[in-house]
Amino acid sequence: MDNTSTAPEGTIDRLARMNLVGWFFRKGYPQGAFWATMICVVSVTNDVLMRFLGERLHVTEIIFFRFLFSMVTVVPLMLSHGLSAFKTSRPMMHVGRAILGVGGIGACCYAVNVMPLNVNTSIMFSQPLFFLPLAVLLLKERVDAPRWVATLVGFVGLMIILQPGENTFRWITMVPVAAALQFALLDIMAKKMVATESTYNMLFYFAFGTTVGAFVPALFFWQTPTMEELGLLILLGIGANLIQVCLIRAFTATDASALMPFRYVEFIFTTLVGFMIFSEIPTQITLIGVVLIIAGTAFLSYYESKRSVS
């Protein structure tokens, strides 16, 4: 007998919503791809916020407030789970993540204020070049040929965008490269820690450690934020937590190396935002590179989808 035919309409609607919400928290490649894409959306939003804030505030003060409000917004979630939520079995890894976080976010914040958003994002796509070897060496993940091919196709698109053979090299471009390396290491550490540390635990200690690490440098360049700037800084802190949540959910859902090419989606969002807000128009050569980036990501999506049903 079909019991759903006699169930109240409201109950059926609630069950449908529960199933829909539950899909996002299951393990699987589609779920991992969703959370990886959300990382891109929030990251671009944070870049825009840092660009606006950087018009008056110093980089060190921006990153201090970013981390401070990130910590403040996560504390109530920690307390709702009791004092046991603060327990950790990997204190030194939390310290390491905090150090990398201050360096990586600091470099990123500086870069978005001295170069176009799409250029900064393009350079930071060197992250998979660091990440894939690290995933093999440190996580012992097996990175098969299709994943390498998808990532390398995206990298060819990146090289077309940057045109490394031209006489246009600037040392400032090494700033986002340094940020990319530190973010790759952060991702590796997050992947290693999700097995023993809770999401809230990782969020709190990352925010706490980076707040402490950024406080002293911020004092040397202090300017009291206006109310408008304070509001943007709060949003920046919330966004920092959202990135961590999406990152942890993505790595819980599927292999870290399988998700790396999805970082290229960020360039699409960055290009759109850069054009609409800052009138930054990508060149024809940039668009050719983007096509290759999308092709690599689309190929990986198709390949992983076929694997999941086989």
C-alpha atoms as a PDB file:
ATOM      1  CA  MET A   1       0.000   0.000   0.000  1.00  0.00           C
ATOM      2  CA  ASP A   2       1.296   3.504  -0.885  1.00  0.00           C
ATOM      3  CA  ASN A   3       1.270   5.418   2.401  1.00  0.00           C
ATOM      4  CA  THR A   4       2.369   8.675   0.757  1.00  0.00           C
ATOM      5  CA  SER A   5      -1.050   9.048  -0.847  1.00  0.00           C
ATOM      6  CA  THR A   6      -2.673   9.458   2.575  1.00  0.00           C
ATOM      7  CA  ALA A   7       0.063  11.599   4.133  1.00  0.00           C
ATOM      8  CA  PRO A   8      -0.709  15.267   4.782  1.00  0.00           C
ATOM      9  CA  GLU A   9       0.512  17.557   2.052  1.00  0.00           C
ATOM     10  CA  GLY A  10       2.680  19.506   4.508  1.00  0.00           C
ATOM     11  CA  THR A  11       4.434  16.304   5.629  1.00  0.00           C
ATOM     12  CA  ILE A  12       5.266  15.378   2.054  1.00  0.00           C
ATOM     13  CA  ASP A  13       6.670  18.848   1.441  1.00  0.00           C
ATOM     14  CA  ARG A  14       8.826  18.614   4.564  1.00  0.00           C
ATOM     15  CA  LEU A  15      10.156  15.210   3.531  1.00  0.00           C
ATOM     16  CA  ALA A  16      10.950  16.521   0.068  1.00  0.00           C
ATOM     17  CA  ARG A  17      12.860  19.460   1.532  1.00  0.00           C
ATOM     18  CA  MET A  18      14.767  17.145   3.874  1.00  0.00           C
ATOM     19  CA  ASN A  19      15.793  14.936   0.958  1.00  0.00           C
ATOM     20  CA  LEU A  20      16.904  17.970  -1.026  1.00  0.00           C
ATOM     21  CA  VAL A  21      18.971  19.398   1.822  1.00  0.00           C
ATOM     22  CA  GLY A  22      20.378  15.970   2.657  1.00  0.00           C
ATOM     23  CA  TRP A  23      21.767  15.607  -0.876  1.00  0.00           C
ATOM     24  CA  PHE A  24      24.306  18.377  -0.246  1.00  0.00           C
ATOM     25  CA  PHE A  25      25.784  16.555   2.772  1.00  0.00           C
ATOM     26  CA  ARG A  26      26.194  13.117   1.204  1.00  0.00           C
ATOM     27  CA  LYS A  27      29.492  11.744  -0.027  1.00  0.00           C
ATOM     28  CA  GLY A  28      30.031  11.729  -3.767  1.00  0.00           C
ATOM     29  CA  TYR A  29      31.654  13.556  -6.636  1.00  0.00           C
ATOM     30  CA  PRO A  30      28.609  15.750  -7.532  1.00  0.00           C
ATOM     31  CA  GLN A  31      28.424  16.980  -3.938  1.00  0.00           C
ATOM     32  CA  GLY A  32      32.161  17.658  -3.878  1.00  0.00           C
ATOM     33  CA  ALA A  33      31.876  19.579  -7.160  1.00  0.00           C
ATOM     34  CA  PHE A  34      29.043  21.690  -5.732  1.00  0.00           C
ATOM     35  CA  TRP A  35      31.013  22.686  -2.625  1.00  0.00           C
ATOM     36  CA  ALA A  36      34.140  23.368  -4.704  1.00  0.00           C
ATOM     37  CA  THR A  37      32.120  25.716  -6.909  1.00  0.00           C
ATOM     38  CA  MET A  38      30.745  27.489  -3.855  1.00  0.00           C
ATOM     39  CA  ILE A  39      34.329  28.085  -2.709  1.00  0.00           C
ATOM     40  CA  CYS A  40      34.853  30.019  -5.945  1.00  0.00           C
ATOM     41  CA  VAL A  41      31.720  32.128  -5.469  1.00  0.00           C
ATOM     42  CA  VAL A  42      32.621  33.130  -1.914  1.00  0.00           C
ATOM     43  CA  SER A  43      36.294  33.701  -2.789  1.00  0.00           C
ATOM     44  CA  VAL A  44      35.418  36.159  -5.556  1.00  0.00           C
ATOM     45  CA  THR A  45      33.036  37.981  -3.203  1.00  0.00           C
ATOM     46  CA  ASN A  46      35.812  38.281  -0.621  1.00  0.00           C
ATOM     47  CA  ASP A  47      38.237  39.582  -3.267  1.00  0.00           C
ATOM     48  CA  VAL A  48      35.785  42.342  -4.143  1.00  0.00           C
ATOM     49  CA  LEU A  49      35.340  43.246  -0.473  1.00  0.00           C
ATOM     50  CA  MET A  50      39.116  43.414   0.024  1.00  0.00           C
ATOM     51  CA  ARG A  51      39.453  45.621  -3.074  1.00  0.00           C
ATOM     52  CA  PHE A  52      36.937  48.129  -1.678  1.00  0.00           C
ATOM     53  CA  LEU A  53      38.436  48.027   1.819  1.00  0.00           C
ATOM     54  CA  GLY A  54      41.967  48.412   0.443  1.00  0.00           C
ATOM     55  CA  GLU A  55      41.150  51.882  -0.880  1.00  0.00           C
ATOM     56  CA  ARG A  56      41.786  53.274   2.626  1.00  0.00           C
ATOM     57  CA  LEU A  57      42.737  50.517   5.059  1.00  0.00           C
ATOM     58  CA  HIS A  58      46.119  48.792   5.103  1.00  0.00           C
ATOM     59  CA  VAL A  59      46.358  45.125   4.140  1.00  0.00           C
ATOM     60  CA  THR A  60      47.455  44.057   7.637  1.00  0.00           C
ATOM     61  CA  GLU A  61      44.404  45.686   9.228  1.00  0.00           C
ATOM     62  CA  ILE A  62      42.044  44.123   6.682  1.00  0.00           C
ATOM     63  CA  ILE A  63      43.310  40.609   7.298  1.00  0.00           C
ATOM     64  CA  PHE A  64      43.259  41.131  11.086  1.00  0.00           C
ATOM     65  CA  PHE A  65      39.575  42.104  11.040  1.00  0.00           C
ATOM     66  CA  ARG A  66      38.795  39.348   8.550  1.00  0.00           C
ATOM     67  CA  PHE A  67      40.176  36.776  10.973  1.00  0.00           C
ATOM     68  CA  LEU A  68      38.713  38.470  14.053  1.00  0.00           C
ATOM     69  CA  PHE A  69      35.155  38.487  12.728  1.00  0.00           C
ATOM     70  CA  SER A  70      35.644  34.988  11.405  1.00  0.00           C
ATOM     71  CA  MET A  71      36.425  33.882  14.970  1.00  0.00           C
ATOM     72  CA  VAL A  72      33.578  35.889  16.528  1.00  0.00           C
ATOM     73  CA  THR A  73      30.976  34.410  14.172  1.00  0.00           C
ATOM     74  CA  VAL A  74      32.066  30.826  14.793  1.00  0.00           C
ATOM     75  CA  VAL A  75      32.253  30.975  18.635  1.00  0.00           C
ATOM     76  CA  PRO A  76      28.455  30.700  19.135  1.00  0.00           C
ATOM     77  CA  LEU A  77      28.453  27.568  16.975  1.00  0.00           C
ATOM     78  CA  MET A  78      31.245  26.108  19.112  1.00  0.00           C
ATOM     79  CA  LEU A  79      29.446  26.904  22.364  1.00  0.00           C
ATOM     80  CA  SER A  80      26.219  25.334  21.069  1.00  0.00           C
ATOM     81  CA  HIS A  81      28.108  22.021  20.887  1.00  0.00           C
ATOM     82  CA  GLY A  82      29.539  22.317  24.401  1.00  0.00           C
ATOM     83  CA  LEU A  83      33.098  22.709  25.647  1.00  0.00           C
ATOM     84  CA  SER A  84      34.047  19.362  24.119  1.00  0.00           C
ATOM     85  CA  ALA A  85      33.964  21.084  20.715  1.00  0.00           C
ATOM     86  CA  PHE A  86      37.173  22.929  21.683  1.00  0.00           C
ATOM     87  CA  LYS A  87      39.136  19.716  22.233  1.00  0.00           C
ATOM     88  CA  THR A  88      41.718  18.895  19.581  1.00  0.00           C
ATOM     89  CA  SER A  89      44.167  16.064  19.007  1.00  0.00           C
ATOM     90  CA  ARG A  90      46.291  18.055  16.529  1.00  0.00           C
ATOM     91  CA  PRO A  91      47.234  21.393  18.118  1.00  0.00           C
ATOM     92  CA  MET A  92      50.445  21.850  16.105  1.00  0.00           C
ATOM     93  CA  MET A  93      48.622  21.343  12.821  1.00  0.00           C
ATOM     94  CA  HIS A  94      46.236  24.117  13.861  1.00  0.00           C
ATOM     95  CA  VAL A  95      49.267  26.347  14.517  1.00  0.00           C
ATOM     96  CA  GLY A  96      50.687  25.474  11.114  1.00  0.00           C
ATOM     97  CA  ARG A  97      47.399  26.262   9.381  1.00  0.00           C
ATOM     98  CA  ALA A  98      47.232  29.628  11.167  1.00  0.00           C
ATOM     99  CA  ILE A  99      50.728  30.605  10.009  1.00  0.00           C
ATOM    100  CA  LEU A 100      49.954  29.614   6.431  1.00  0.00           C
ATOM    101  CA  GLY A 101      46.603  31.387   6.658  1.00  0.00           C
ATOM    102  CA  VAL A 102      48.122  34.731   7.662  1.00  0.00           C
ATOM    103  CA  GLY A 103      50.725  34.513   4.905  1.00  0.00           C
ATOM    104  CA  GLY A 104      48.340  33.307   2.207  1.00  0.00           C
ATOM    105  CA  ILE A 105      45.483  35.704   2.902  1.00  0.00           C
ATOM    106  CA  GLY A 106      47.892  38.581   3.377  1.00  0.00           C
ATOM    107  CA  ALA A 107      49.486  37.933  -0.013  1.00  0.00           C
ATOM    108  CA  CYS A 108      46.072  37.531  -1.640  1.00  0.00           C
ATOM    109  CA  CYS A 109      44.704  40.742  -0.121  1.00  0.00           C
ATOM    110  CA  TYR A 110      47.744  42.691  -1.284  1.00  0.00           C
ATOM    111  CA  ALA A 111      47.535  41.242  -4.803  1.00  0.00           C
ATOM    112  CA  VAL A 112      43.861  42.116  -5.392  1.00  0.00           C
ATOM    113  CA  ASN A 113      44.676  45.731  -4.583  1.00  0.00           C
ATOM    114  CA  VAL A 114      47.618  46.105  -6.998  1.00  0.00           C
ATOM    115  CA  MET A 115      46.468  44.143 -10.086  1.00  0.00           C
ATOM    116  CA  PRO A 116      43.224  43.387 -11.956  1.00  0.00           C
ATOM    117  CA  LEU A 117      41.060  40.705 -10.350  1.00  0.00           C
ATOM    118  CA  ASN A 118      41.186  38.408 -13.373  1.00  0.00           C
ATOM    119  CA  VAL A 119      45.000  38.604 -13.536  1.00  0.00           C
ATOM    120  CA  ASN A 120      45.332  37.797  -9.839  1.00  0.00           C
ATOM    121  CA  THR A 121      42.925  34.874 -10.120  1.00  0.00           C
ATOM    122  CA  SER A 122      44.687  33.562 -13.217  1.00  0.00           C
ATOM    123  CA  ILE A 123      48.067  33.498 -11.493  1.00  0.00           C
ATOM    124  CA  MET A 124      46.623  31.805  -8.437  1.00  0.00           C
ATOM    125  CA  PHE A 125      45.475  28.958 -10.660  1.00  0.00           C
ATOM    126  CA  SER A 126      49.047  27.715 -10.274  1.00  0.00           C
ATOM    127  CA  GLN A 127      47.735  26.199  -7.026  1.00  0.00           C
ATOM    128  CA  PRO A 128      46.927  22.798  -8.619  1.00  0.00           C
ATOM    129  CA  LEU A 129      50.539  22.575  -9.791  1.00  0.00           C
ATOM    130  CA  PHE A 130      51.540  22.558  -6.134  1.00  0.00           C
ATOM    131  CA  PHE A 131      48.531  20.618  -4.916  1.00  0.00           C
ATOM    132  CA  LEU A 132      48.574  17.523  -7.129  1.00  0.00           C
ATOM    133  CA  PRO A 133      52.161  16.489  -6.262  1.00  0.00           C
ATOM    134  CA  LEU A 134      51.466  17.275  -2.601  1.00  0.00           C
ATOM    135  CA  ALA A 135      48.314  15.114  -2.680  1.00  0.00           C
ATOM    136  CA  VAL A 136      50.371  12.225  -4.016  1.00  0.00           C
ATOM    137  CA  LEU A 137      53.240  12.676  -1.536  1.00  0.00           C
ATOM    138  CA  LEU A 138      51.385  13.672   1.627  1.00  0.00           C
ATOM    139  CA  LEU A 139      47.874  12.243   1.227  1.00  0.00           C
ATOM    140  CA  LYS A 140      48.928   9.122  -0.698  1.00  0.00           C
ATOM    141  CA  GLU A 141      46.083   9.746  -3.119  1.00  0.00           C
ATOM    142  CA  ARG A 142      46.123   8.051  -6.492  1.00  0.00           C
ATOM    143  CA  VAL A 143      45.819  10.735  -9.153  1.00  0.00           C
ATOM    144  CA  ASP A 144      44.905   8.953 -12.371  1.00  0.00           C
ATOM    145  CA  ALA A 145      45.553  10.060 -15.931  1.00  0.00           C
ATOM    146  CA  PRO A 146      42.196  11.790 -16.620  1.00  0.00           C
ATOM    147  CA  ARG A 147      42.634  14.023 -13.569  1.00  0.00           C
ATOM    148  CA  TRP A 148      46.142  14.955 -14.650  1.00  0.00           C
ATOM    149  CA  VAL A 149      44.960  15.622 -18.197  1.00  0.00           C
ATOM    150  CA  ALA A 150      42.068  17.825 -17.032  1.00  0.00           C
ATOM    151  CA  THR A 151      44.367  19.839 -14.782  1.00  0.00           C
ATOM    152  CA  LEU A 152      47.067  20.190 -17.443  1.00  0.00           C
ATOM    153  CA  VAL A 153      44.561  21.317 -20.058  1.00  0.00           C
ATOM    154  CA  GLY A 154      43.458  24.004 -17.629  1.00  0.00           C
ATOM    155  CA  PHE A 155      47.095  24.922 -17.036  1.00  0.00           C
ATOM    156  CA  VAL A 156      47.676  25.340 -20.783  1.00  0.00           C
ATOM    157  CA  GLY A 157      44.766  27.788 -20.780  1.00  0.00           C
ATOM    158  CA  LEU A 158      46.414  29.611 -17.886  1.00  0.00           C
ATOM    159  CA  MET A 159      49.709  29.863 -19.769  1.00  0.00           C
ATOM    160  CA  ILE A 160      47.904  31.330 -22.761  1.00  0.00           C
ATOM    161  CA  ILE A 161      46.378  33.963 -20.481  1.00  0.00           C
ATOM    162  CA  LEU A 162      49.690  34.869 -18.823  1.00  0.00           C
ATOM    163  CA  GLN A 163      51.830  34.684 -22.016  1.00  0.00           C
ATOM    164  CA  PRO A 164      55.029  33.859 -20.103  1.00  0.00           C
ATOM    165  CA  GLY A 165      57.155  34.226 -23.243  1.00  0.00           C
ATOM    166  CA  GLU A 166      56.430  37.960 -23.482  1.00  0.00           C
ATOM    167  CA  ASN A 167      58.612  40.647 -21.868  1.00  0.00           C
ATOM    168  CA  THR A 168      55.931  41.453 -19.338  1.00  0.00           C
ATOM    169  CA  PHE A 169      57.215  39.682 -16.223  1.00  0.00           C
ATOM    170  CA  ARG A 170      56.825  41.641 -13.001  1.00  0.00           C
ATOM    171  CA  TRP A 171      58.060  40.513  -9.615  1.00  0.00           C
ATOM    172  CA  ILE A 172      54.716  41.540  -8.139  1.00  0.00           C
ATOM    173  CA  THR A 173      53.178  38.525  -9.870  1.00  0.00           C
ATOM    174  CA  MET A 174      55.098  36.295  -7.452  1.00  0.00           C
ATOM    175  CA  VAL A 175      52.832  37.514  -4.629  1.00  0.00           C
ATOM    176  CA  PRO A 176      49.751  35.549  -5.791  1.00  0.00           C
ATOM    177  CA  VAL A 177      52.060  32.618  -6.665  1.00  0.00           C
ATOM    178  CA  ALA A 178      53.221  32.600  -3.032  1.00  0.00           C
ATOM    179  CA  ALA A 179      49.598  32.756  -1.924  1.00  0.00           C
ATOM    180  CA  ALA A 180      48.738  29.816  -4.199  1.00  0.00           C
ATOM    181  CA  LEU A 181      51.476  27.684  -2.657  1.00  0.00           C
ATOM    182  CA  GLN A 182      50.298  28.436   0.874  1.00  0.00           C
ATOM    183  CA  PHE A 183      46.663  27.743  -0.023  1.00  0.00           C
ATOM    184  CA  ALA A 184      47.681  24.402  -1.536  1.00  0.00           C
ATOM    185  CA  LEU A 185      49.402  23.476   1.722  1.00  0.00           C
ATOM    186  CA  LEU A 186      46.319  24.628   3.666  1.00  0.00           C
ATOM    187  CA  ASP A 187      44.141  22.360   1.539  1.00  0.00           C
ATOM    188  CA  ILE A 188      46.462  19.418   2.131  1.00  0.00           C
ATOM    189  CA  MET A 189      46.379  19.980   5.881  1.00  0.00           C
ATOM    190  CA  ALA A 190      42.587  20.342   5.882  1.00  0.00           C
ATOM    191  CA  LYS A 191      42.245  17.060   4.020  1.00  0.00           C
ATOM    192  CA  LYS A 192      44.454  15.314   6.591  1.00  0.00           C
ATOM    193  CA  MET A 193      42.591  16.810   9.544  1.00  0.00           C
ATOM    194  CA  VAL A 194      38.951  16.184   8.562  1.00  0.00           C
ATOM    195  CA  ALA A 195      39.257  12.573   9.722  1.00  0.00           C
ATOM    196  CA  THR A 196      39.777  13.565  13.383  1.00  0.00           C
ATOM    197  CA  GLU A 197      38.737  17.227  13.704  1.00  0.00           C
ATOM    198  CA  SER A 198      35.202  18.595  13.444  1.00  0.00           C
ATOM    199  CA  THR A 199      34.275  21.392  11.064  1.00  0.00           C
ATOM    200  CA  TYR A 200      33.617  23.849  13.905  1.00  0.00           C
ATOM    201  CA  ASN A 201      36.863  22.880  15.620  1.00  0.00           C
ATOM    202  CA  MET A 202      38.899  23.587  12.479  1.00  0.00           C
ATOM    203  CA  LEU A 203      37.050  26.839  11.831  1.00  0.00           C
ATOM    204  CA  PHE A 204      37.598  28.157  15.343  1.00  0.00           C
ATOM    205  CA  TYR A 205      41.284  27.337  15.722  1.00  0.00           C
ATOM    206  CA  PHE A 206      42.102  28.623  12.249  1.00  0.00           C
ATOM    207  CA  ALA A 207      40.291  31.891  12.997  1.00  0.00           C
ATOM    208  CA  PHE A 208      41.802  32.191  16.493  1.00  0.00           C
ATOM    209  CA  GLY A 209      45.360  31.473  15.370  1.00  0.00           C
ATOM    210  CA  THR A 210      45.228  33.827  12.399  1.00  0.00           C
ATOM    211  CA  THR A 211      43.674  36.617  14.510  1.00  0.00           C
ATOM    212  CA  VAL A 212      46.548  36.399  16.991  1.00  0.00           C
ATOM    213  CA  GLY A 213      49.094  36.208  14.172  1.00  0.00           C
ATOM    214  CA  ALA A 214      47.733  39.267  12.340  1.00  0.00           C
ATOM    215  CA  PHE A 215      47.156  41.477  15.402  1.00  0.00           C
ATOM    216  CA  VAL A 216      50.674  42.860  15.960  1.00  0.00           C
ATOM    217  CA  PRO A 217      51.356  43.799  12.300  1.00  0.00           C
ATOM    218  CA  ALA A 218      47.955  45.536  12.143  1.00  0.00           C
ATOM    219  CA  LEU A 219      48.882  47.844  15.043  1.00  0.00           C
ATOM    220  CA  PHE A 220      51.644  49.475  12.979  1.00  0.00           C
ATOM    221  CA  PHE A 221      49.194  50.576  10.266  1.00  0.00           C
ATOM    222  CA  TRP A 222      46.042  51.124  12.324  1.00  0.00           C
ATOM    223  CA  GLN A 223      43.214  53.330  11.075  1.00  0.00           C
ATOM    224  CA  THR A 224      39.845  53.195  12.801  1.00  0.00           C
ATOM    225  CA  PRO A 225      37.322  51.733  10.330  1.00  0.00           C
ATOM    226  CA  THR A 226      34.179  53.681   9.439  1.00  0.00           C
ATOM    227  CA  MET A 227      30.783  52.061  10.061  1.00  0.00           C
ATOM    228  CA  GLU A 228      30.538  51.143   6.368  1.00  0.00           C
ATOM    229  CA  GLU A 229      34.005  49.593   6.417  1.00  0.00           C
ATOM    230  CA  LEU A 230      33.156  47.758   9.616  1.00  0.00           C
ATOM    231  CA  GLY A 231      30.120  46.220   7.924  1.00  0.00           C
ATOM    232  CA  LEU A 232      32.240  45.071   4.982  1.00  0.00           C
ATOM    233  CA  LEU A 233      34.829  43.633   7.373  1.00  0.00           C
ATOM    234  CA  ILE A 234      32.117  41.628   9.152  1.00  0.00           C
ATOM    235  CA  LEU A 235      30.963  40.239   5.798  1.00  0.00           C
ATOM    236  CA  LEU A 236      34.576  39.412   5.001  1.00  0.00           C
ATOM    237  CA  GLY A 237      34.889  37.446   8.243  1.00  0.00           C
ATOM    238  CA  ILE A 238      31.671  35.522   7.555  1.00  0.00           C
ATOM    239  CA  GLY A 239      32.918  34.806   4.038  1.00  0.00           C
ATOM    240  CA  ALA A 240      36.186  33.453   5.440  1.00  0.00           C
ATOM    241  CA  ASN A 241      34.215  30.920   7.484  1.00  0.00           C
ATOM    242  CA  LEU A 242      32.042  29.991   4.512  1.00  0.00           C
ATOM    243  CA  ILE A 243      35.132  29.192   2.468  1.00  0.00           C
ATOM    244  CA  GLN A 244      36.373  26.884   5.214  1.00  0.00           C
ATOM    245  CA  VAL A 245      32.974  25.180   5.518  1.00  0.00           C
ATOM    246  CA  CYS A 246      32.750  24.633   1.761  1.00  0.00           C
ATOM    247  CA  LEU A 247      36.342  23.384   1.663  1.00  0.00           C
ATOM    248  CA  ILE A 248      35.801  20.863   4.437  1.00  0.00           C
ATOM    249  CA  ARG A 249      32.487  19.681   2.949  1.00  0.00           C
ATOM    250  CA  ALA A 250      34.120  19.250  -0.464  1.00  0.00           C
ATOM    251  CA  PHE A 251      37.011  17.212   0.935  1.00  0.00           C
ATOM    252  CA  THR A 252      34.618  15.101   2.997  1.00  0.00           C
ATOM    253  CA  ALA A 253      32.573  14.321  -0.114  1.00  0.00           C
ATOM    254  CA  THR A 254      35.342  13.128  -2.446  1.00  0.00           C
ATOM    255  CA  ASP A 255      39.093  13.052  -3.168  1.00  0.00           C
ATOM    256  CA  ALA A 256      40.816  16.414  -2.931  1.00  0.00           C
ATOM    257  CA  SER A 257      42.757  15.983  -6.183  1.00  0.00           C
ATOM    258  CA  ALA A 258      39.539  15.321  -8.134  1.00  0.00           C
ATOM    259  CA  LEU A 259      38.215  18.751  -7.174  1.00  0.00           C
ATOM    260  CA  MET A 260      41.240  20.864  -8.061  1.00  0.00           C
ATOM    261  CA  PRO A 261      40.205  21.719 -11.650  1.00  0.00           C
ATOM    262  CA  PHE A 262      36.971  23.190 -10.300  1.00  0.00           C
ATOM    263  CA  ARG A 263      39.018  26.052  -8.912  1.00  0.00           C
ATOM    264  CA  TYR A 264      39.222  27.273 -12.519  1.00  0.00           C
ATOM    265  CA  VAL A 265      35.534  28.149 -12.347  1.00  0.00           C
ATOM    266  CA  GLU A 266      36.590  31.051 -10.144  1.00  0.00           C
ATOM    267  CA  PHE A 267      38.092  32.780 -13.171  1.00  0.00           C
ATOM    268  CA  ILE A 268      34.688  32.906 -14.861  1.00  0.00           C
ATOM    269  CA  PHE A 269      33.129  34.552 -11.805  1.00  0.00           C
ATOM    270  CA  THR A 270      36.086  36.913 -11.424  1.00  0.00           C
ATOM    271  CA  THR A 271      35.893  38.014 -15.059  1.00  0.00           C
ATOM    272  CA  LEU A 272      32.178  38.742 -14.792  1.00  0.00           C
ATOM    273  CA  VAL A 273      32.548  40.659 -11.531  1.00  0.00           C
ATOM    274  CA  GLY A 274      35.613  42.531 -12.772  1.00  0.00           C
ATOM    275  CA  PHE A 275      33.713  43.705 -15.830  1.00  0.00           C
ATOM    276  CA  MET A 276      30.480  44.640 -14.039  1.00  0.00           C
ATOM    277  CA  ILE A 277      32.041  46.432 -11.051  1.00  0.00           C
ATOM    278  CA  PHE A 278      35.536  47.550 -12.073  1.00  0.00           C
ATOM    279  CA  SER A 279      35.157  47.736 -15.895  1.00  0.00           C
ATOM    280  CA  GLU A 280      38.010  45.248 -16.347  1.00  0.00           C
ATOM    281  CA  ILE A 281      37.551  43.784 -19.824  1.00  0.00           C
ATOM    282  CA  PRO A 282      39.373  40.499 -20.562  1.00  0.00           C
ATOM    283  CA  THR A 283      41.428  40.345 -23.737  1.00  0.00           C
ATOM    284  CA  GLN A 284      40.799  37.937 -26.607  1.00  0.00           C
ATOM    285  CA  ILE A 285      43.768  35.840 -25.550  1.00  0.00           C
ATOM    286  CA  THR A 286      42.273  35.619 -22.058  1.00  0.00           C
ATOM    287  CA  LEU A 287      39.005  34.301 -23.465  1.00  0.00           C
ATOM    288  CA  ILE A 288      40.861  31.607 -25.421  1.00  0.00           C
ATOM    289  CA  GLY A 289      42.524  30.515 -22.207  1.00  0.00           C
ATOM    290  CA  VAL A 290      39.197  30.435 -20.387  1.00  0.00           C
ATOM    291  CA  VAL A 291      37.755  28.138 -23.072  1.00  0.00           C
ATOM    292  CA  LEU A 292      40.544  25.637 -22.402  1.00  0.00           C
ATOM    293  CA  ILE A 293      40.014  25.943 -18.653  1.00  0.00           C
ATOM    294  CA  ILE A 294      36.307  25.188 -19.038  1.00  0.00           C
ATOM    295  CA  ALA A 295      37.112  22.301 -21.390  1.00  0.00           C
ATOM    296  CA  GLY A 296      39.393  20.694 -18.814  1.00  0.00           C
ATOM    297  CA  THR A 297      36.823  21.023 -16.046  1.00  0.00           C
ATOM    298  CA  ALA A 298      33.979  19.744 -18.255  1.00  0.00           C
ATOM    299  CA  PHE A 299      36.043  16.717 -19.240  1.00  0.00           C
ATOM    300  CA  LEU A 300      36.771  15.883 -15.616  1.00  0.00           C
ATOM    301  CA  SER A 301      33.091  16.227 -14.705  1.00  0.00           C
ATOM    302  CA  TYR A 302      32.086  13.833 -17.468  1.00  0.00           C
ATOM    303  CA  TYR A 303      34.808  11.353 -16.528  1.00  0.00           C
ATOM    304  CA  GLU A 304      33.969  11.349 -12.812  1.00  0.00           C
ATOM    305  CA  SER A 305      30.241  11.031 -13.517  1.00  0.00           C
ATOM    306  CA  LYS A 306      30.874   7.935 -15.675  1.00  0.00           C
ATOM    307  CA  ARG A 307      33.061   6.441 -12.941  1.00  0.00           C
ATOM    308  CA  SER A 308      30.436   6.991 -10.242  1.00  0.00           C
ATOM    309  CA  VAL A 309      27.795   4.989 -12.128  1.00  0.00           C
ATOM    310  CA  SER A 310      30.107   2.182 -13.299  1.00  0.00           C
END
